[in-house]
């Protein structure tokens, strides 16, 4: 066996959500694994079993798998799917024969062992990792949560082998981000586990300073081992369109960003919606032709006497029940009554929720209906355009005039989507609670329009102001905005993290 100095450092990465998963945290995991391989690490990932991603939650993006470095080894330990099973034929022998006993066993594991339904995957990951470690030792373990059972797996692996580990909180376990309060009552087993795991961790990583500060205050004895590694935008999947936004001679862009190549999941647009959008686009083109109007690219003002193309507002990302979707929809309906936003559209690209039953509820909250709009009903301007693969989002961004940053939660929320938004140098209008952590990232971005309120009239005014800025936008203004975004590429944000890992390995 080679000495450590004669081989690449070896990292075990515990990341349940990894491509082809399309969970919100998958992009951080994908980028981290790719970055470590690029920097000379031997990377092994323990991720979710494929049958869970495809058959249970139905949440995949196969195109994203193509962006994973082929040098990364991906293991997929098993998961006890007790709480997800709905079909009696999938029940284990114990559950079919002795359902009450099976329930007691499961509840014991949740209340006395580890309080998360992913824990079986964590213990299976440790078993798999020990076998791999016996063949060639790991130098460090990185665990990313959620699920937070990955932290428990890292702790147990360290207890057995002594290999140091790092906890990456891309989300918070014991803090409810949507209500800014503890997620568990005092005395709950989760607090005991979190303290135990942090005590032994070589480092704990957080996505923003607000989250780091909250945990440092609760666990002051390990505060000196905490650091912030913010999210960022992925230059490897957005380069062509970003180059075009920056004025660099671009390679040919994808022919379509319609999401046709995205995995078919719960967010697919209905045929009636697609037909409606196509008819609206054809009607608009006909009206422009009849009036002699021309579309002016790049947000530049049209010459006098010519009709300017309607503005295109865009939200791109997974829409969830935690976001203020009603406020966004109502504010935009009000805003498009302003002459500067006449006929403007707010196009929603992405999935509606993470689960199979989410779309119907969210469509109702947005006021979207299948089929044509009833006569006499005001056009709100909202258009649902369906899912878009991560590898196809560049053109959607570049064809937008204004990007709508819709976020749920309170002061501890950043949202990884905001980094992509800034990378394209468009006006960004905020729709979220005042004071969320994302405002620290946006502070200094010259094209940010923030009502600092969820009052629909104030939001509408902010949308109108952003629309006006888009009309008058110059290449110089976009370039200045992109300078702010350049500090948040994944490469830039992950460099300090990779150095920290090397220091941990060198000191172990």
Protein backbone atom coordinates (compact mmCIF):
# COMPACT_ATOMS: atom_id res chain seq x y z
CA UNK A 1 0.00 0.00 0.00
CA UNK A 2 1.32 3.45 -0.90
CA UNK A 3 2.20 5.99 1.78
CA UNK A 4 -0.12 8.99 1.99
CA UNK A 5 2.57 11.22 0.48
CA UNK A 6 2.81 8.94 -2.57
CA UNK A 7 -0.89 8.93 -3.50
CA UNK A 8 -3.80 11.26 -3.98
CA UNK A 9 -5.65 12.22 -0.78
CA UNK A 10 -8.80 10.12 -0.52
CA UNK A 11 -12.16 11.53 0.57
CA UNK A 12 -15.41 9.77 1.39
CA UNK A 13 -18.28 12.10 0.52
CA UNK A 14 -21.62 11.27 2.18
CA UNK A 15 -24.15 13.04 -0.03
CA UNK A 16 -27.57 11.38 -0.19
CA UNK A 17 -28.80 13.79 -2.86
CA UNK A 18 -26.41 13.43 -5.77
CA UNK A 19 -27.13 13.32 -9.53
CA UNK A 20 -29.45 12.22 -11.03
CA UNK A 21 -31.38 13.59 -8.03
CA UNK A 22 -32.77 17.07 -8.66
CA UNK A 23 -33.14 18.02 -4.98
CA UNK A 24 -32.15 21.62 -4.29
CA UNK A 25 -28.93 20.64 -2.48
CA UNK A 26 -27.64 18.42 -5.26
CA UNK A 27 -25.83 21.24 -7.05
CA UNK A 28 -23.60 21.96 -4.07
CA UNK A 29 -22.80 18.26 -3.74
CA UNK A 30 -22.08 17.86 -7.45
CA UNK A 31 -19.86 20.93 -7.52
CA UNK A 32 -17.94 19.91 -4.40
CA UNK A 33 -17.19 16.41 -5.69
CA UNK A 34 -16.12 17.75 -9.10
CA UNK A 35 -13.94 20.43 -7.52
CA UNK A 36 -12.14 17.95 -5.27
CA UNK A 37 -11.40 15.60 -8.18
CA UNK A 38 -10.10 18.53 -10.21
CA UNK A 39 -7.78 19.46 -7.32
CA UNK A 40 -6.26 15.98 -7.22
CA UNK A 41 -8.46 14.12 -4.74
CA UNK A 42 -9.66 10.53 -5.04
CA UNK A 43 -13.41 10.93 -4.43
CA UNK A 44 -15.93 8.26 -3.42
CA UNK A 45 -19.55 9.35 -2.97
CA UNK A 46 -22.20 7.47 -0.99
CA UNK A 47 -25.56 8.56 -2.44
CA UNK A 48 -29.24 7.59 -2.46
CA UNK A 49 -30.31 4.32 -4.09
CA UNK A 50 -31.64 4.88 -7.59
CA UNK A 51 -34.92 3.08 -7.00
CA UNK A 52 -35.73 5.63 -4.30
CA UNK A 53 -35.07 8.58 -6.63
CA UNK A 54 -36.98 7.14 -9.58
CA UNK A 55 -39.79 5.13 -8.02
CA UNK A 56 -40.49 6.73 -4.65
CA UNK A 57 -40.01 10.48 -5.02
CA UNK A 58 -39.82 10.65 -8.82
CA UNK A 59 -37.33 13.49 -8.64
CA UNK A 60 -34.54 13.14 -11.19
CA UNK A 61 -32.62 15.08 -13.84
CA UNK A 62 -30.66 12.62 -15.93
CA UNK A 63 -28.91 15.40 -17.84
CA UNK A 64 -27.28 16.50 -14.58
CA UNK A 65 -25.57 13.13 -14.25
CA UNK A 66 -23.58 13.94 -17.38
CA UNK A 67 -21.91 16.84 -15.55
CA UNK A 68 -20.41 14.56 -12.87
CA UNK A 69 -16.69 13.93 -13.38
CA UNK A 70 -16.28 10.28 -14.51
CA UNK A 71 -13.35 9.86 -12.09
CA UNK A 72 -15.79 10.03 -9.15
CA UNK A 73 -16.81 6.66 -7.74
CA UNK A 74 -20.48 6.58 -6.70
CA UNK A 75 -21.78 4.00 -4.23
CA UNK A 76 -25.50 3.67 -3.48
CA UNK A 77 -26.13 1.96 -0.12
CA UNK A 78 -29.61 0.67 0.68
CA UNK A 79 -32.42 2.57 2.39
CA UNK A 80 -35.25 1.16 4.48
CA UNK A 81 -38.28 2.70 2.78
CA UNK A 82 -40.71 1.92 5.59
CA UNK A 83 -42.33 5.38 5.75
CA UNK A 84 -42.59 5.73 1.97
CA UNK A 85 -44.12 2.33 1.18
CA UNK A 86 -47.77 2.47 0.11
CA UNK A 87 -48.03 -0.84 -1.74
CA UNK A 88 -48.62 -3.87 0.47
CA UNK A 89 -46.66 -6.00 -1.98
CA UNK A 90 -43.53 -4.02 -1.13
CA UNK A 91 -43.78 -4.71 2.61
CA UNK A 92 -41.14 -6.87 4.22
CA UNK A 93 -42.04 -10.27 5.63
CA UNK A 94 -41.93 -8.84 9.16
CA UNK A 95 -44.23 -5.94 8.30
CA UNK A 96 -46.73 -8.14 6.48
CA UNK A 97 -46.78 -10.78 9.19
CA UNK A 98 -46.40 -8.65 12.31
CA UNK A 99 -47.29 -5.05 11.41
CA UNK A 100 -47.46 -3.78 15.01
CA UNK A 101 -44.09 -5.27 15.85
CA UNK A 102 -42.59 -3.79 12.68
CA UNK A 103 -43.96 -0.38 13.64
CA UNK A 104 -42.52 -0.63 17.16
CA UNK A 105 -39.11 -1.57 15.78
CA UNK A 106 -39.17 1.37 13.39
CA UNK A 107 -40.34 3.86 16.05
CA UNK A 108 -37.64 2.61 18.42
CA UNK A 109 -35.01 3.36 15.77
CA UNK A 110 -36.40 6.89 15.36
CA UNK A 111 -36.80 7.79 19.03
CA UNK A 112 -33.85 5.96 20.60
CA UNK A 113 -31.23 5.58 17.89
CA UNK A 114 -31.31 8.41 15.33
CA UNK A 115 -34.34 10.65 14.74
CA UNK A 116 -34.47 10.68 10.96
CA UNK A 117 -36.05 8.30 8.50
CA UNK A 118 -32.89 8.19 6.38
CA UNK A 119 -30.84 6.65 9.19
CA UNK A 120 -30.83 3.15 7.68
CA UNK A 121 -29.04 4.57 4.64
CA UNK A 122 -26.46 6.15 6.95
CA UNK A 123 -25.65 2.88 8.70
CA UNK A 124 -25.55 1.06 5.35
CA UNK A 125 -23.11 3.74 4.14
CA UNK A 126 -20.83 3.06 7.10
CA UNK A 127 -20.86 -0.66 6.34
CA UNK A 128 -20.03 -0.01 2.68
CA UNK A 129 -17.34 2.53 3.58
CA UNK A 130 -15.62 0.19 6.02
CA UNK A 131 -15.24 -2.41 3.28
CA UNK A 132 -13.74 0.18 0.94
CA UNK A 133 -11.54 1.55 3.73
CA UNK A 134 -10.11 -1.92 4.38
CA UNK A 135 -8.87 -2.03 0.78
CA UNK A 136 -7.58 1.54 0.64
CA UNK A 137 -7.92 3.93 3.53
CA UNK A 138 -9.84 7.17 3.40
CA UNK A 139 -8.05 10.28 4.66
CA UNK A 140 -11.10 12.40 5.47
CA UNK A 141 -14.90 12.20 5.38
CA UNK A 142 -17.20 15.03 4.25
CA UNK A 143 -20.88 14.66 5.16
CA UNK A 144 -23.50 17.03 3.79
CA UNK A 145 -26.98 17.44 5.23
CA UNK A 146 -29.79 17.06 4.70
CA UNK A 147 -30.43 14.28 5.39
CA UNK A 148 -28.56 14.77 8.65
CA UNK A 149 -28.11 11.05 9.21
CA UNK A 150 -25.06 11.56 7.00
CA UNK A 151 -23.51 13.39 9.97
CA UNK A 152 -24.25 10.38 12.15
CA UNK A 153 -22.58 8.12 9.60
CA UNK A 154 -19.46 10.31 9.59
CA UNK A 155 -19.39 10.27 13.41
CA UNK A 156 -19.70 6.47 13.54
CA UNK A 157 -17.07 5.95 10.84
CA UNK A 158 -14.71 8.18 12.83
CA UNK A 159 -15.45 6.25 16.01
CA UNK A 160 -14.52 2.98 14.32
CA UNK A 161 -11.57 4.14 12.18
CA UNK A 162 -10.36 7.47 13.59
CA UNK A 163 -10.67 9.14 10.17
CA UNK A 164 -11.49 12.87 10.65
CA UNK A 165 -14.73 14.27 9.29
CA UNK A 166 -16.32 17.56 8.26
CA UNK A 167 -20.03 18.42 8.60
CA UNK A 168 -21.43 20.52 5.75
CA UNK A 169 -24.68 22.21 6.79
CA UNK A 170 -26.13 23.22 3.46
CA UNK A 171 -29.37 23.29 5.47
CA UNK A 172 -30.08 23.46 9.20
CA UNK A 173 -31.21 20.47 11.24
CA UNK A 174 -32.15 21.89 14.63
CA UNK A 175 -33.18 25.36 13.44
CA UNK A 176 -36.49 25.83 11.62
CA UNK A 177 -35.47 28.19 8.81
CA UNK A 178 -39.05 29.14 7.99
CA UNK A 179 -40.00 30.23 11.49
CA UNK A 180 -36.59 31.25 12.92
CA UNK A 181 -37.01 29.01 15.95
CA UNK A 182 -35.67 25.67 17.22
CA UNK A 183 -36.96 22.72 15.22
CA UNK A 184 -37.06 20.40 18.25
CA UNK A 185 -38.10 20.83 21.89
CA UNK A 186 -35.40 20.96 24.55
CA UNK A 187 -34.33 17.49 25.61
CA UNK A 188 -35.05 15.96 22.21
CA UNK A 189 -32.56 13.34 21.06
CA UNK A 190 -31.64 15.51 18.05
CA UNK A 191 -29.86 18.00 20.33
CA UNK A 192 -27.80 15.23 21.92
CA UNK A 193 -26.80 13.91 18.52
CA UNK A 194 -25.89 17.33 17.15
CA UNK A 195 -23.64 18.13 20.11
CA UNK A 196 -22.02 14.69 19.95
CA UNK A 197 -21.30 15.02 16.23
CA UNK A 198 -20.03 18.62 16.40
CA UNK A 199 -17.75 17.79 19.33
CA UNK A 200 -15.84 15.24 17.27
CA UNK A 201 -15.94 17.02 13.89
CA UNK A 202 -12.74 18.56 12.58
CA UNK A 203 -14.81 21.34 10.98
CA UNK A 204 -18.42 22.42 10.51
CA UNK A 205 -19.38 24.34 7.37
CA UNK A 206 -22.37 26.65 6.84
CA UNK A 207 -23.78 28.39 3.78
CA UNK A 208 -24.01 31.84 5.36
CA UNK A 209 -22.80 33.79 8.37
CA UNK A 210 -26.24 33.94 9.96
CA UNK A 211 -26.40 30.15 10.23
CA UNK A 212 -22.81 29.89 11.43
CA UNK A 213 -23.51 32.50 14.09
CA UNK A 214 -26.62 30.71 15.35
CA UNK A 215 -24.76 27.42 15.76
CA UNK A 216 -21.69 29.11 17.24
CA UNK A 217 -23.86 30.69 19.90
CA UNK A 218 -25.46 27.35 20.74
CA UNK A 219 -22.18 25.40 20.65
CA UNK A 220 -19.48 27.92 21.66
CA UNK A 221 -16.96 25.20 22.54
CA UNK A 222 -16.59 24.30 18.84
CA UNK A 223 -17.16 27.76 17.33
CA UNK A 224 -13.50 28.05 16.32
CA UNK A 225 -13.95 25.04 14.00
CA UNK A 226 -16.87 26.58 12.14
CA UNK A 227 -16.54 28.28 8.75
CA UNK A 228 -18.73 29.69 5.99
CA UNK A 229 -18.65 28.25 2.47
CA UNK A 230 -21.39 30.02 0.51
CA UNK A 231 -23.10 28.51 -2.47
CA UNK A 232 -22.22 29.80 -5.90
CA UNK A 233 -23.07 29.60 -9.58
CA UNK A 234 -21.84 26.72 -11.68
CA UNK A 235 -19.58 28.01 -14.40
CA UNK A 236 -19.28 24.56 -15.97
CA UNK A 237 -22.98 24.35 -16.86
CA UNK A 238 -23.63 28.04 -17.60
CA UNK A 239 -20.48 29.15 -19.43
CA UNK A 240 -21.79 29.85 -22.94
CA UNK A 241 -24.68 32.06 -21.96
CA UNK A 242 -22.66 33.82 -19.28
CA UNK A 243 -19.96 34.59 -21.84
CA UNK A 244 -22.64 36.04 -24.09
CA UNK A 245 -23.95 38.16 -21.22
CA UNK A 246 -20.44 39.44 -20.64
CA UNK A 247 -19.99 40.37 -24.28
CA UNK A 248 -17.54 37.55 -25.04
CA UNK A 249 -17.90 35.92 -28.45
CA UNK A 250 -19.98 32.88 -27.49
CA UNK A 251 -20.12 29.39 -28.85
CA UNK A 252 -23.46 28.33 -30.26
CA UNK A 253 -26.14 28.20 -27.58
CA UNK A 254 -28.54 25.29 -27.17
CA UNK A 255 -31.34 25.45 -29.72
CA UNK A 256 -34.00 25.22 -27.03
CA UNK A 257 -34.42 25.69 -23.30
CA UNK A 258 -37.92 24.32 -23.25
CA UNK A 259 -37.03 21.50 -20.90
CA UNK A 260 -37.79 18.75 -23.45
CA UNK A 261 -34.67 16.87 -22.38
CA UNK A 262 -35.39 17.28 -18.68
CA UNK A 263 -36.52 14.19 -16.83
CA UNK A 264 -40.27 13.84 -16.99
CA UNK A 265 -41.45 14.44 -13.45
CA UNK A 266 -44.11 16.14 -11.44
CA UNK A 267 -43.44 19.57 -12.92
CA UNK A 268 -44.22 18.81 -16.59
CA UNK A 269 -46.50 21.38 -18.20
CA UNK A 270 -49.84 20.16 -19.46
CA UNK A 271 -50.55 20.06 -23.18
CA UNK A 272 -53.24 22.71 -22.74
CA UNK A 273 -50.79 25.08 -21.06
CA UNK A 274 -48.18 24.53 -23.76
CA UNK A 275 -50.74 25.11 -26.50
CA UNK A 276 -52.01 28.23 -24.77
CA UNK A 277 -48.49 29.66 -24.48
CA UNK A 278 -47.81 28.90 -28.16
CA UNK A 279 -51.05 30.55 -29.25
CA UNK A 280 -50.25 33.62 -27.14
CA UNK A 281 -46.80 33.86 -28.71
CA UNK A 282 -48.25 33.54 -32.24
CA UNK A 283 -50.88 36.20 -31.51
CA UNK A 284 -48.21 38.54 -30.19
CA UNK A 285 -46.06 38.05 -33.30
CA UNK A 286 -49.06 38.73 -35.53
CA UNK A 287 -49.89 41.91 -33.62
CA UNK A 288 -46.31 43.11 -33.88
CA UNK A 289 -46.24 42.43 -37.60
CA UNK A 290 -49.49 44.28 -38.14
CA UNK A 291 -48.28 47.34 -36.24
CA UNK A 292 -44.80 47.34 -37.71
CA UNK A 293 -43.25 46.80 -34.28
CA UNK A 294 -39.78 45.33 -33.98
CA UNK A 295 -38.26 43.50 -31.08
CA UNK A 296 -35.10 45.19 -29.81
CA UNK A 297 -32.63 42.74 -28.26
CA UNK A 298 -30.64 43.33 -25.10
CA UNK A 299 -33.23 45.51 -23.39
CA UNK A 300 -32.36 48.57 -25.52
CA UNK A 301 -35.03 51.23 -26.08
CA UNK A 302 -36.82 51.05 -29.42
CA UNK A 303 -36.76 54.07 -31.75
CA UNK A 304 -39.65 56.53 -31.47
CA UNK A 305 -42.87 55.34 -33.06
CA UNK A 306 -42.03 51.66 -32.76
CA UNK A 307 -43.66 49.37 -30.26
CA UNK A 308 -41.23 47.74 -27.87
CA UNK A 309 -41.50 44.01 -27.22
CA UNK A 310 -43.27 43.10 -23.97
CA UNK A 311 -40.94 42.58 -21.04
CA UNK A 312 -40.18 39.07 -19.94
CA UNK A 313 -39.91 38.49 -16.19
CA UNK A 314 -38.58 35.06 -15.22
CA UNK A 315 -38.58 32.83 -12.18
CA UNK A 316 -36.39 29.76 -12.61
CA UNK A 317 -36.26 27.08 -9.94
CA UNK A 318 -38.43 24.66 -8.05
CA UNK A 319 -41.55 26.35 -6.73
CA UNK A 320 -42.51 25.22 -3.21
CA UNK A 321 -45.32 25.73 -0.72
CA UNK A 322 -42.94 27.65 1.56
CA UNK A 323 -42.58 30.55 -0.88
CA UNK A 324 -44.85 33.63 -1.01
CA UNK A 325 -46.32 32.63 -4.36
CA UNK A 326 -49.66 34.41 -3.89
CA UNK A 327 -47.92 37.71 -3.18
CA UNK A 328 -45.74 37.32 -6.28
CA UNK A 329 -48.73 36.54 -8.50
CA UNK A 330 -50.89 39.39 -7.18
CA UNK A 331 -48.04 41.92 -7.32
CA UNK A 332 -47.28 41.06 -10.93
CA UNK A 333 -50.94 41.35 -11.89
CA UNK A 334 -50.92 44.87 -10.43
CA UNK A 335 -47.57 45.78 -11.98
CA UNK A 336 -48.58 44.88 -15.55
CA UNK A 337 -51.39 47.45 -15.37
CA UNK A 338 -48.61 50.07 -15.56
CA UNK A 339 -47.99 51.26 -19.16
CA UNK A 340 -44.32 50.26 -18.99
CA UNK A 341 -45.29 46.68 -18.22
CA UNK A 342 -48.20 46.37 -20.64
CA UNK A 343 -48.46 42.78 -21.88
CA UNK A 344 -45.45 41.76 -19.76
CA UNK A 345 -45.18 38.10 -18.81
CA UNK A 346 -43.87 36.35 -15.71
CA UNK A 347 -42.61 33.02 -16.96
CA UNK A 348 -42.16 30.27 -14.37
CA UNK A 349 -39.58 27.67 -15.38
CA UNK A 350 -39.02 24.61 -13.22
CA UNK A 351 -40.83 21.96 -11.26
CA UNK A 352 -43.85 22.65 -9.12
CA UNK A 353 -42.73 21.12 -5.83
CA UNK A 354 -40.49 18.17 -5.13
CA UNK A 355 -43.17 15.48 -4.94
CA UNK A 356 -45.72 13.93 -7.27
CA UNK A 357 -48.77 15.55 -5.68
CA UNK A 358 -47.35 19.10 -5.49
CA UNK A 359 -48.28 20.66 -8.90
CA UNK A 360 -52.05 20.87 -8.43
CA UNK A 361 -51.83 22.75 -5.13
CA UNK A 362 -49.25 25.21 -6.40
CA UNK A 363 -51.12 25.89 -9.65
CA UNK A 364 -54.20 26.78 -7.61
CA UNK A 365 -52.20 29.15 -5.42
CA UNK A 366 -50.78 30.84 -8.51
CA UNK A 367 -54.20 31.15 -10.11
CA UNK A 368 -53.13 29.05 -13.09
CA UNK A 369 -55.71 27.02 -14.93
CA UNK A 370 -55.44 24.28 -17.52
CA UNK A 371 -56.90 25.30 -20.85
CA UNK A 372 -57.81 28.76 -22.20
CA UNK A 373 -58.59 31.67 -19.89
CA UNK A 374 -62.35 32.25 -19.41
CA UNK A 375 -63.75 35.29 -21.19
CA UNK A 376 -63.80 38.39 -19.03
CA UNK A 377 -61.10 37.16 -16.62
CA UNK A 378 -58.07 39.43 -16.36
CA UNK A 379 -54.85 38.05 -17.76
CA UNK A 380 -52.40 37.93 -14.84
CA UNK A 381 -49.42 37.51 -17.16
CA UNK A 382 -48.25 34.35 -15.39
CA UNK A 383 -47.09 31.56 -17.67
CA UNK A 384 -45.96 28.14 -16.45
CA UNK A 385 -43.34 26.86 -18.89
CA UNK A 386 -42.43 23.51 -17.31
CA UNK A 387 -39.17 22.01 -16.06
CA UNK A 388 -35.76 22.92 -17.45
CA UNK A 389 -32.68 20.74 -17.08
CA UNK A 390 -29.76 22.27 -15.22
CA UNK A 391 -27.72 21.98 -18.40
CA UNK A 392 -30.32 23.98 -20.37
CA UNK A 393 -30.97 26.94 -18.10
CA UNK A 394 -28.48 29.34 -19.66
CA UNK A 395 -30.65 30.35 -22.60
CA UNK A 396 -33.68 30.82 -20.35
CA UNK A 397 -31.74 33.29 -18.24
CA UNK A 398 -30.25 35.11 -21.21
CA UNK A 399 -33.62 35.60 -22.91
CA UNK A 400 -35.07 37.18 -19.76
CA UNK A 401 -35.34 40.89 -19.06
CA UNK A 402 -35.91 40.73 -15.29
CA UNK A 403 -35.30 37.85 -12.90
CA UNK A 404 -37.68 37.35 -9.98
CA UNK A 405 -36.00 36.15 -6.81
CA UNK A 406 -38.74 34.33 -4.93
CA UNK A 407 -37.68 32.81 -1.60
CA UNK A 408 -39.35 31.45 1.49
CA UNK A 409 -38.12 31.49 5.05
CA UNK A 410 -36.57 34.09 7.29
CA UNK A 411 -33.22 35.65 8.12
CA UNK A 412 -31.19 32.43 7.83
CA UNK A 413 -32.18 31.70 4.21
CA UNK A 414 -29.82 32.39 1.29
CA UNK A 415 -31.08 30.17 -1.58
CA UNK A 416 -28.56 28.85 -4.05
CA UNK A 417 -30.54 30.20 -7.00
CA UNK A 418 -29.56 33.81 -6.32
CA UNK A 419 -25.96 33.18 -7.40
CA UNK A 420 -27.06 32.08 -10.88
CA UNK A 421 -29.35 35.06 -11.10
CA UNK A 422 -26.50 37.49 -10.50
CA UNK A 423 -24.24 35.76 -13.02
CA UNK A 424 -26.31 37.04 -15.95
CA UNK A 425 -26.29 40.71 -15.04
CA UNK A 426 -30.05 41.27 -15.35
CA UNK A 427 -32.20 43.37 -13.02
CA UNK A 428 -33.31 41.23 -10.06
CA UNK A 429 -36.51 41.93 -8.15
CA UNK A 430 -36.87 40.43 -4.67
CA UNK A 431 -40.04 38.72 -3.42
CA UNK A 432 -39.34 37.48 0.10
CA UNK A 433 -39.47 38.39 3.77
CA UNK A 434 -37.30 41.38 4.75
CA UNK A 435 -33.92 40.61 6.25
CA UNK A 436 -33.18 37.14 4.85
CA UNK A 437 -29.53 36.14 4.53
CA UNK A 438 -29.69 36.36 0.74
CA UNK A 439 -29.72 40.14 1.09
CA UNK A 440 -26.11 39.98 2.27
CA UNK A 441 -25.22 38.34 -1.04
CA UNK A 442 -27.24 40.81 -3.11
CA UNK A 443 -25.89 43.83 -1.26
CA UNK A 444 -23.67 45.61 -3.76
CA UNK A 445 -25.39 44.16 -6.82
CA UNK A 446 -26.22 47.33 -8.80
CA UNK A 447 -29.39 46.02 -10.47
CA UNK A 448 -31.19 44.77 -7.35
CA UNK A 449 -34.73 46.00 -6.74
CA UNK A 450 -35.94 45.23 -3.25
CA UNK A 451 -39.26 46.39 -1.82
CA UNK A 452 -38.10 45.05 1.57
CA UNK A 453 -41.69 44.01 2.10
CA UNK A 454 -44.30 41.48 1.02
CA UNK A 455 -46.95 44.16 0.58
CA UNK A 456 -48.25 43.56 -2.94
CA UNK A 457 -48.45 47.25 -3.87
CA UNK A 458 -44.83 47.80 -2.85
CA UNK A 459 -43.76 44.66 -4.65
CA UNK A 460 -45.59 45.84 -7.78
CA UNK A 461 -43.77 49.19 -7.65
CA UNK A 462 -40.46 47.35 -7.35
CA UNK A 463 -41.34 45.22 -10.39
CA UNK A 464 -42.19 48.32 -12.42
CA UNK A 465 -38.87 49.92 -11.46
CA UNK A 466 -36.99 46.75 -12.45
CA UNK A 467 -38.84 46.70 -15.77
CA UNK A 468 -37.87 50.28 -16.51
CA UNK A 469 -34.25 49.48 -15.69
CA UNK A 470 -34.36 46.53 -18.09
CA UNK A 471 -35.62 48.82 -20.89
CA UNK A 472 -32.69 51.17 -20.44
CA UNK A 473 -30.00 48.59 -19.61
CA UNK A 474 -26.60 49.11 -21.22
CA UNK A 475 -23.80 46.56 -21.77
CA UNK A 476 -21.68 48.52 -19.32
CA UNK A 477 -24.31 48.18 -16.59
CA UNK A 478 -24.57 44.45 -17.15
CA UNK A 479 -20.80 44.07 -17.00
CA UNK A 480 -20.69 45.96 -13.71
CA UNK A 481 -23.40 43.72 -12.27
CA UNK A 482 -21.54 40.61 -13.34
CA UNK A 483 -18.39 41.76 -11.55
CA UNK A 484 -20.30 41.35 -8.31
CA UNK A 485 -21.33 37.82 -9.31
CA UNK A 486 -17.79 36.77 -10.23
CA UNK A 487 -16.86 36.50 -6.55
CA UNK A 488 -19.48 33.75 -6.19
CA UNK A 489 -18.44 31.17 -8.76
CA UNK A 490 -18.32 27.67 -7.27
CA UNK A 491 -14.59 27.66 -7.95
CA UNK A 492 -14.07 30.79 -5.88
CA UNK A 493 -16.25 29.65 -2.97
CA UNK A 494 -14.79 26.12 -2.77
CA UNK A 495 -11.09 27.01 -2.82
CA UNK A 496 -10.92 27.80 0.95
CA UNK A 497 -12.88 24.63 1.72
CA UNK A 498 -10.48 22.41 -0.24
CA UNK A 499 -7.52 24.02 1.54
CA UNK A 500 -9.17 23.35 4.90
CA UNK A 501 -9.57 19.68 3.99
CA UNK A 502 -5.87 19.42 3.13
CA UNK A 503 -4.97 21.01 6.47
CA UNK A 504 -7.18 18.49 8.28
CA UNK A 505 -5.57 15.56 6.45
CA UNK A 506 -2.07 16.90 7.12
CA UNK A 507 -2.83 17.25 10.82
CA UNK A 508 -4.45 13.83 11.29
